[in-house]
Amino acid sequence: MQDDLKHSPKATQLIESLDGDNPGYITMVSVIELYWVLTSCYDLTCEKVSQALEAILRTKLA
């Protein structure tokens, strides 16, 4: 969401450092927490969260 001045740049740097030789992964617990945060803190609908999760699953690293 890029809404935390301290953590957002660190998260962006981590994500941008991932590639085919250095892939990342998301645990099921993290997916569940992501759903909870997006629906309860950001008031996103289930449809919007579903779209976000689908985008994450479809992301391919070069």
PDB file of N, CA and C in Angstrom:
ATOM      1  N   MET A   1       0.820  -1.195   0.000  1.00  0.00           N
ATOM      2  CA  MET A   1       0.000   0.000   0.000  1.00  0.00           C
ATOM      3  C   MET A   1       0.864   1.258   0.000  1.00  0.00           C
ATOM      4  N   GLN A   2       2.160   1.099   0.260  1.00  0.00           N
ATOM      5  CA  GLN A   2       3.088   2.239   0.258  1.00  0.00           C
ATOM      6  C   GLN A   2       2.632   3.341   1.212  1.00  0.00           C
ATOM      7  N   ASP A   3       2.138   2.942   2.381  1.00  0.00           N
ATOM      8  CA  ASP A   3       1.604   3.925   3.326  1.00  0.00           C
ATOM      9  C   ASP A   3       2.447   4.062   4.595  1.00  0.00           C
ATOM     10  N   ASP A   4       3.599   3.440   4.632  1.00  0.00           N
ATOM     11  CA  ASP A   4       4.460   3.506   5.808  1.00  0.00           C
ATOM     12  C   ASP A   4       5.815   4.053   5.375  1.00  0.00           C
ATOM     13  N   LEU A   5       6.143   5.237   5.826  1.00  0.00           N
ATOM     14  CA  LEU A   5       7.372   5.904   5.378  1.00  0.00           C
ATOM     15  C   LEU A   5       8.628   5.115   5.720  1.00  0.00           C
ATOM     16  N   LYS A   6       8.611   4.371   6.804  1.00  0.00           N
ATOM     17  CA  LYS A   6       9.789   3.611   7.216  1.00  0.00           C
ATOM     18  C   LYS A   6       9.878   2.259   6.515  1.00  0.00           C
ATOM     19  N   HIS A   7       8.776   1.538   6.455  1.00  0.00           N
ATOM     20  CA  HIS A   7       8.815   0.164   5.956  1.00  0.00           C
ATOM     21  C   HIS A   7       8.580   0.017   4.455  1.00  0.00           C
ATOM     22  N   SER A   8       7.839   0.923   3.848  1.00  0.00           N
ATOM     23  CA  SER A   8       7.529   0.801   2.425  1.00  0.00           C
ATOM     24  C   SER A   8       8.772   0.754   1.545  1.00  0.00           C
ATOM     25  N   PRO A   9       9.755   1.648   1.743  1.00  0.00           N
ATOM     26  CA  PRO A   9      10.962   1.567   0.901  1.00  0.00           C
ATOM     27  C   PRO A   9      11.721   0.255   1.078  1.00  0.00           C
ATOM     28  N   LYS A  10      11.753  -0.267   2.300  1.00  0.00           N
ATOM     29  CA  LYS A  10      12.433  -1.536   2.550  1.00  0.00           C
ATOM     30  C   LYS A  10      11.709  -2.686   1.854  1.00  0.00           C
ATOM     31  N   ALA A  11      10.385  -2.677   1.920  1.00  0.00           N
ATOM     32  CA  ALA A  11       9.602  -3.723   1.265  1.00  0.00           C
ATOM     33  C   ALA A  11       9.772  -3.651  -0.253  1.00  0.00           C
ATOM     34  N   THR A  12       9.746  -2.456  -0.795  1.00  0.00           N
ATOM     35  CA  THR A  12       9.937  -2.282  -2.232  1.00  0.00           C
ATOM     36  C   THR A  12      11.311  -2.776  -2.658  1.00  0.00           C
ATOM     37  N   GLN A  13      12.334  -2.426  -1.896  1.00  0.00           N
ATOM     38  CA  GLN A  13      13.692  -2.861  -2.221  1.00  0.00           C
ATOM     39  C   GLN A  13      13.788  -4.391  -2.198  1.00  0.00           C
ATOM     40  N   LEU A  14      13.186  -5.013  -1.204  1.00  0.00           N
ATOM     41  CA  LEU A  14      13.205  -6.476  -1.117  1.00  0.00           C
ATOM     42  C   LEU A  14      12.513  -7.097  -2.318  1.00  0.00           C
ATOM     43  N   ILE A  15      11.329  -6.626  -2.634  1.00  0.00           N
ATOM     44  CA  ILE A  15      10.565  -7.184  -3.754  1.00  0.00           C
ATOM     45  C   ILE A  15      11.315  -6.996  -5.064  1.00  0.00           C
ATOM     46  N   GLU A  16      11.897  -5.830  -5.262  1.00  0.00           N
ATOM     47  CA  GLU A  16      12.612  -5.563  -6.508  1.00  0.00           C
ATOM     48  C   GLU A  16      13.930  -6.329  -6.602  1.00  0.00           C
ATOM     49  N   SER A  17      14.421  -6.856  -5.483  1.00  0.00           N
ATOM     50  CA  SER A  17      15.667  -7.631  -5.511  1.00  0.00           C
ATOM     51  C   SER A  17      15.437  -9.081  -5.927  1.00  0.00           C
ATOM     52  N   LEU A  18      14.188  -9.512  -5.974  1.00  0.00           N
ATOM     53  CA  LEU A  18      13.875 -10.901  -6.322  1.00  0.00           C
ATOM     54  C   LEU A  18      13.977 -11.108  -7.823  1.00  0.00           C
ATOM     55  N   ASP A  19      14.462 -12.277  -8.191  1.00  0.00           N
ATOM     56  CA  ASP A  19      14.526 -12.655  -9.603  1.00  0.00           C
ATOM     57  C   ASP A  19      14.537 -14.175  -9.693  1.00  0.00           C
ATOM     58  N   GLY A  20      14.757 -14.682 -10.883  1.00  0.00           N
ATOM     59  CA  GLY A  20      14.755 -16.124 -11.098  1.00  0.00           C
ATOM     60  C   GLY A  20      15.806 -16.859 -10.294  1.00  0.00           C
ATOM     61  N   ASP A  21      16.946 -16.222 -10.046  1.00  0.00           N
ATOM     62  CA  ASP A  21      18.011 -16.846  -9.261  1.00  0.00           C
ATOM     63  C   ASP A  21      17.826 -16.649  -7.765  1.00  0.00           C
ATOM     64  N   ASN A  22      17.056 -15.662  -7.372  1.00  0.00           N
ATOM     65  CA  ASN A  22      16.827 -15.329  -5.972  1.00  0.00           C
ATOM     66  C   ASN A  22      15.329 -15.096  -5.761  1.00  0.00           C
ATOM     67  N   PRO A  23      14.526 -16.181  -5.884  1.00  0.00           N
ATOM     68  CA  PRO A  23      13.075 -16.012  -5.779  1.00  0.00           C
ATOM     69  C   PRO A  23      12.621 -15.850  -4.341  1.00  0.00           C
ATOM     70  N   GLY A  24      11.466 -15.285  -4.184  1.00  0.00           N
ATOM     71  CA  GLY A  24      10.852 -15.168  -2.873  1.00  0.00           C
ATOM     72  C   GLY A  24       9.678 -16.130  -2.794  1.00  0.00           C
ATOM     73  N   TYR A  25       9.082 -16.198  -1.653  1.00  0.00           N
ATOM     74  CA  TYR A  25       7.881 -17.005  -1.497  1.00  0.00           C
ATOM     75  C   TYR A  25       6.990 -16.358  -0.443  1.00  0.00           C
ATOM     76  N   ILE A  26       5.723 -16.720  -0.480  1.00  0.00           N
ATOM     77  CA  ILE A  26       4.758 -16.190   0.473  1.00  0.00           C
ATOM     78  C   ILE A  26       4.134 -17.375   1.195  1.00  0.00           C
ATOM     79  N   THR A  27       4.214 -17.396   2.507  1.00  0.00           N
ATOM     80  CA  THR A  27       3.619 -18.483   3.275  1.00  0.00           C
ATOM     81  C   THR A  27       2.101 -18.335   3.328  1.00  0.00           C
ATOM     82  N   MET A  28       1.431 -19.427   3.609  1.00  0.00           N
ATOM     83  CA  MET A  28      -0.026 -19.394   3.719  1.00  0.00           C
ATOM     84  C   MET A  28      -0.458 -18.453   4.850  1.00  0.00           C
ATOM     85  N   VAL A  29       0.283 -18.442   5.937  1.00  0.00           N
ATOM     86  CA  VAL A  29      -0.037 -17.539   7.045  1.00  0.00           C
ATOM     87  C   VAL A  29       0.029 -16.089   6.569  1.00  0.00           C
ATOM     88  N   SER A  30       1.016 -15.762   5.732  1.00  0.00           N
ATOM     89  CA  SER A  30       1.135 -14.402   5.211  1.00  0.00           C
ATOM     90  C   SER A  30      -0.032 -14.053   4.300  1.00  0.00           C
ATOM     91  N   VAL A  31      -0.486 -15.003   3.507  1.00  0.00           N
ATOM     92  CA  VAL A  31      -1.635 -14.760   2.630  1.00  0.00           C
ATOM     93  C   VAL A  31      -2.880 -14.486   3.465  1.00  0.00           C
ATOM     94  N   ILE A  32      -3.071 -15.261   4.504  1.00  0.00           N
ATOM     95  CA  ILE A  32      -4.227 -15.068   5.377  1.00  0.00           C
ATOM     96  C   ILE A  32      -4.150 -13.709   6.077  1.00  0.00           C
ATOM     97  N   GLU A  33      -2.970 -13.359   6.556  1.00  0.00           N
ATOM     98  CA  GLU A  33      -2.813 -12.056   7.207  1.00  0.00           C
ATOM     99  C   GLU A  33      -3.015 -10.922   6.209  1.00  0.00           C
ATOM    100  N   LEU A  34      -2.527 -11.087   4.987  1.00  0.00           N
ATOM    101  CA  LEU A  34      -2.741 -10.076   3.955  1.00  0.00           C
ATOM    102  C   LEU A  34      -4.228  -9.870   3.724  1.00  0.00           C
ATOM    103  N   TYR A  35      -4.973 -10.959   3.616  1.00  0.00           N
ATOM    104  CA  TYR A  35      -6.424 -10.858   3.440  1.00  0.00           C
ATOM    105  C   TYR A  35      -7.048 -10.084   4.598  1.00  0.00           C
ATOM    106  N   TRP A  36      -6.682 -10.450   5.814  1.00  0.00           N
ATOM    107  CA  TRP A  36      -7.253  -9.806   6.999  1.00  0.00           C
ATOM    108  C   TRP A  36      -6.950  -8.306   7.012  1.00  0.00           C
ATOM    109  N   VAL A  37      -5.706  -7.946   6.744  1.00  0.00           N
ATOM    110  CA  VAL A  37      -5.313  -6.532   6.766  1.00  0.00           C
ATOM    111  C   VAL A  37      -6.049  -5.749   5.682  1.00  0.00           C
ATOM    112  N   LEU A  38      -6.091  -6.307   4.484  1.00  0.00           N
ATOM    113  CA  LEU A  38      -6.728  -5.574   3.381  1.00  0.00           C
ATOM    114  C   LEU A  38      -8.226  -5.397   3.588  1.00  0.00           C
ATOM    115  N   THR A  39      -8.872  -6.380   4.215  1.00  0.00           N
ATOM    116  CA  THR A  39     -10.314  -6.245   4.427  1.00  0.00           C
ATOM    117  C   THR A  39     -10.649  -5.456   5.688  1.00  0.00           C
ATOM    118  N   SER A  40      -9.864  -5.614   6.739  1.00  0.00           N
ATOM    119  CA  SER A  40     -10.231  -4.956   7.990  1.00  0.00           C
ATOM    120  C   SER A  40      -9.612  -3.566   8.156  1.00  0.00           C
ATOM    121  N   CYS A  41      -8.394  -3.389   7.712  1.00  0.00           N
ATOM    122  CA  CYS A  41      -7.727  -2.091   7.887  1.00  0.00           C
ATOM    123  C   CYS A  41      -7.942  -1.152   6.704  1.00  0.00           C
ATOM    124  N   TYR A  42      -8.017  -1.721   5.506  1.00  0.00           N
ATOM    125  CA  TYR A  42      -8.153  -0.898   4.302  1.00  0.00           C
ATOM    126  C   TYR A  42      -9.549  -0.964   3.704  1.00  0.00           C
ATOM    127  N   ASP A  43     -10.429  -1.737   4.329  1.00  0.00           N
ATOM    128  CA  ASP A  43     -11.823  -1.863   3.892  1.00  0.00           C
ATOM    129  C   ASP A  43     -11.979  -2.254   2.429  1.00  0.00           C
ATOM    130  N   LEU A  44     -11.060  -3.076   1.926  1.00  0.00           N
ATOM    131  CA  LEU A  44     -11.212  -3.564   0.559  1.00  0.00           C
ATOM    132  C   LEU A  44     -12.254  -4.674   0.531  1.00  0.00           C
ATOM    133  N   THR A  45     -12.976  -4.759  -0.562  1.00  0.00           N
ATOM    134  CA  THR A  45     -13.961  -5.824  -0.720  1.00  0.00           C
ATOM    135  C   THR A  45     -13.251  -7.139  -0.991  1.00  0.00           C
ATOM    136  N   CYS A  46     -13.968  -8.227  -0.806  1.00  0.00           N
ATOM    137  CA  CYS A  46     -13.397  -9.543  -1.106  1.00  0.00           C
ATOM    138  C   CYS A  46     -12.977  -9.622  -2.574  1.00  0.00           C
ATOM    139  N   GLU A  47     -13.754  -8.982  -3.435  1.00  0.00           N
ATOM    140  CA  GLU A  47     -13.421  -8.982  -4.868  1.00  0.00           C
ATOM    141  C   GLU A  47     -12.083  -8.278  -5.116  1.00  0.00           C
ATOM    142  N   LYS A  48     -11.849  -7.142  -4.481  1.00  0.00           N
ATOM    143  CA  LYS A  48     -10.589  -6.408  -4.651  1.00  0.00           C
ATOM    144  C   LYS A  48      -9.410  -7.214  -4.098  1.00  0.00           C
ATOM    145  N   VAL A  49      -9.618  -7.849  -2.952  1.00  0.00           N
ATOM    146  CA  VAL A  49      -8.556  -8.666  -2.369  1.00  0.00           C
ATOM    147  C   VAL A  49      -8.265  -9.856  -3.276  1.00  0.00           C
ATOM    148  N   SER A  50      -9.304 -10.444  -3.813  1.00  0.00           N
ATOM    149  CA  SER A  50      -9.139 -11.564  -4.744  1.00  0.00           C
ATOM    150  C   SER A  50      -8.316 -11.136  -5.962  1.00  0.00           C
ATOM    151  N   GLN A  51      -8.586  -9.955  -6.478  1.00  0.00           N
ATOM    152  CA  GLN A  51      -7.825  -9.437  -7.615  1.00  0.00           C
ATOM    153  C   GLN A  51      -6.358  -9.233  -7.236  1.00  0.00           C
ATOM    154  N   ALA A  52      -6.108  -8.720  -6.041  1.00  0.00           N
ATOM    155  CA  ALA A  52      -4.737  -8.501  -5.585  1.00  0.00           C
ATOM    156  C   ALA A  52      -4.001  -9.828  -5.436  1.00  0.00           C
ATOM    157  N   LEU A  53      -4.655 -10.810  -4.838  1.00  0.00           N
ATOM    158  CA  LEU A  53      -4.024 -12.120  -4.661  1.00  0.00           C
ATOM    159  C   LEU A  53      -3.765 -12.794  -6.002  1.00  0.00           C
ATOM    160  N   GLU A  54      -4.703 -12.655  -6.916  1.00  0.00           N
ATOM    161  CA  GLU A  54      -4.515 -13.226  -8.250  1.00  0.00           C
ATOM    162  C   GLU A  54      -3.335 -12.578  -8.954  1.00  0.00           C
ATOM    163  N   ALA A  55      -3.181 -11.273  -8.802  1.00  0.00           N
ATOM    164  CA  ALA A  55      -2.043 -10.568  -9.407  1.00  0.00           C
ATOM    165  C   ALA A  55      -0.727 -11.079  -8.826  1.00  0.00           C
ATOM    166  N   ILE A  56      -0.705 -11.309  -7.518  1.00  0.00           N
ATOM    167  CA  ILE A  56       0.502 -11.849  -6.887  1.00  0.00           C
ATOM    168  C   ILE A  56       0.807 -13.238  -7.442  1.00  0.00           C
ATOM    169  N   LEU A  57      -0.199 -14.085  -7.546  1.00  0.00           N
ATOM    170  CA  LEU A  57       0.011 -15.453  -8.033  1.00  0.00           C
ATOM    171  C   LEU A  57       0.456 -15.489  -9.484  1.00  0.00           C
ATOM    172  N   ARG A  58       0.045 -14.520 -10.263  1.00  0.00           N
ATOM    173  CA  ARG A  58       0.396 -14.492 -11.686  1.00  0.00           C
ATOM    174  C   ARG A  58       1.735 -13.808 -11.966  1.00  0.00           C
ATOM    175  N   THR A  59       2.322 -13.198 -10.937  1.00  0.00           N
ATOM    176  CA  THR A  59       3.585 -12.492 -11.124  1.00  0.00           C
ATOM    177  C   THR A  59       4.697 -13.478 -11.442  1.00  0.00           C
ATOM    178  N   LYS A  60       5.414 -13.184 -12.496  1.00  0.00           N
ATOM    179  CA  LYS A  60       6.566 -14.003 -12.877  1.00  0.00           C
ATOM    180  C   LYS A  60       7.802 -13.121 -12.834  1.00  0.00           C
ATOM    181  N   LEU A  61       8.835 -13.660 -12.287  1.00  0.00           N
ATOM    182  CA  LEU A  61      10.096 -12.908 -12.202  1.00  0.00           C
ATOM    183  C   LEU A  61      10.953 -13.251 -13.410  1.00  0.00           C
ATOM    184  N   ALA A  62      11.607 -12.246 -13.914  1.00  0.00           N
ATOM    185  CA  ALA A  62      12.484 -12.441 -15.066  1.00  0.00           C
ATOM    186  C   ALA A  62      13.790 -13.080 -14.650  1.00  0.00           C
TER     187      ALA A  62
END
